[in-house]
């Protein structure tokens, strides 16, 4: 799966990029038709202490999206990938019915 990561308003360190790629990559366990992901990491405007992770998961037939904010990009990424995991499981349940 191709993961495209963009950091808006700052330069992300390689450690953060690797963390995000690893977390998003784990979502393939729940859906084998994931074609890729677009991840946007940004500082919430006017509040540098709030970090936002937005993830658009490109799944054939339907794209999924989650956005979370937290005190760190790692926490925001954890929250967004967890939300996507729940969406994938819910979607998979509907497809199997």
Protein backbone atom coordinates (compact mmCIF):
# COMPACT_ATOMS: atom_id res chain seq x y z
CA UNK A 1 0.00 0.00 0.00
CA UNK A 2 1.28 3.45 -0.89
CA UNK A 3 1.10 5.93 1.98
CA UNK A 4 1.46 9.60 1.03
CA UNK A 5 2.26 11.75 4.08
CA UNK A 6 2.19 15.54 4.00
CA UNK A 7 3.13 17.76 6.91
CA UNK A 8 1.51 21.18 6.79
CA UNK A 9 3.19 24.09 8.54
CA UNK A 10 6.19 22.13 9.81
CA UNK A 11 8.80 19.61 8.71
CA UNK A 12 8.15 16.12 10.04
CA UNK A 13 11.06 14.09 11.37
CA UNK A 14 11.72 10.70 9.81
CA UNK A 15 10.81 8.99 13.11
CA UNK A 16 7.29 10.48 12.93
CA UNK A 17 6.91 9.56 9.25
CA UNK A 18 7.92 5.95 9.97
CA UNK A 19 5.48 5.78 12.89
CA UNK A 20 2.59 7.04 10.75
CA UNK A 21 3.44 4.70 7.88
CA UNK A 22 3.58 1.72 10.25
CA UNK A 23 0.24 2.57 11.90
CA UNK A 24 -1.57 3.12 8.60
CA UNK A 25 0.01 -0.02 7.11
CA UNK A 26 -1.52 -2.15 9.87
CA UNK A 27 -4.99 -1.32 8.53
CA UNK A 28 -4.39 -3.72 5.64
CA UNK A 29 -5.04 -6.59 8.06
CA UNK A 30 -8.71 -5.57 8.03
CA UNK A 31 -9.20 -4.95 4.29
CA UNK A 32 -7.13 -6.31 1.43
CA UNK A 33 -8.59 -3.90 -1.14
CA UNK A 34 -6.90 -0.82 0.32
CA UNK A 35 -5.11 0.90 -2.55
CA UNK A 36 -3.36 3.60 -0.56
CA UNK A 37 -3.65 6.34 2.02
CA UNK A 38 -3.25 10.10 2.15
CA UNK A 39 -2.16 11.45 5.52
CA UNK A 40 -2.10 15.11 6.49
CA UNK A 41 -0.32 16.14 9.68
CA UNK A 42 -0.87 19.74 10.68
CA UNK A 43 -0.78 22.14 13.55
CA UNK A 44 -4.21 23.49 14.47
CA UNK A 45 -4.28 27.12 13.42
CA UNK A 46 -3.44 29.45 16.28
CA UNK A 47 -2.67 26.66 18.74
CA UNK A 48 0.71 25.01 18.26
CA UNK A 49 0.09 22.59 21.11
CA UNK A 50 -2.81 20.92 19.25
CA UNK A 51 -1.76 18.46 16.55
CA UNK A 52 -4.14 17.11 13.88
CA UNK A 53 -3.87 13.89 11.89
CA UNK A 54 -6.23 13.46 8.94
CA UNK A 55 -6.20 10.14 7.10
CA UNK A 56 -8.02 9.34 3.88
CA UNK A 57 -7.97 5.62 3.17
CA UNK A 58 -8.35 4.77 -0.51
CA UNK A 59 -10.43 1.60 -0.63
CA UNK A 60 -11.76 0.34 -3.95
CA UNK A 61 -15.40 1.33 -4.11
CA UNK A 62 -15.41 3.76 -1.20
CA UNK A 63 -12.87 6.05 0.45
CA UNK A 64 -12.84 6.28 4.24
CA UNK A 65 -11.79 9.32 6.27
CA UNK A 66 -10.87 10.04 9.88
CA UNK A 67 -9.49 13.12 11.59
CA UNK A 68 -8.29 13.36 15.19
CA UNK A 69 -6.51 16.00 17.23
CA UNK A 70 -4.36 15.51 20.30
CA UNK A 71 -1.33 16.86 22.14
CA UNK A 72 1.05 14.89 19.89
CA UNK A 73 1.00 13.66 16.32
CA UNK A 74 1.47 10.11 17.56
CA UNK A 75 -1.69 10.32 19.70
CA UNK A 76 -3.64 11.92 16.85
CA UNK A 77 -2.46 9.21 14.44
CA UNK A 78 -3.42 6.48 16.93
CA UNK A 79 -6.91 7.96 17.24
CA UNK A 80 -7.42 8.36 13.50
CA UNK A 81 -6.20 4.84 12.67
CA UNK A 82 -8.44 3.40 15.40
CA UNK A 83 -11.43 5.25 13.92
CA UNK A 84 -10.56 3.87 10.48
CA UNK A 85 -10.19 0.36 11.91
CA UNK A 86 -13.72 0.59 13.31
CA UNK A 87 -15.02 1.89 9.96
CA UNK A 88 -13.34 -0.99 8.12
CA UNK A 89 -14.81 -3.58 10.48
CA UNK A 90 -18.27 -2.02 10.20
CA UNK A 91 -17.97 -1.88 6.40
CA UNK A 92 -16.76 -5.48 6.24
CA UNK A 93 -19.74 -6.58 8.33
CA UNK A 94 -22.14 -4.85 5.95
CA UNK A 95 -20.47 -6.39 2.90
CA UNK A 96 -20.73 -9.89 4.40
CA UNK A 97 -24.46 -9.56 5.19
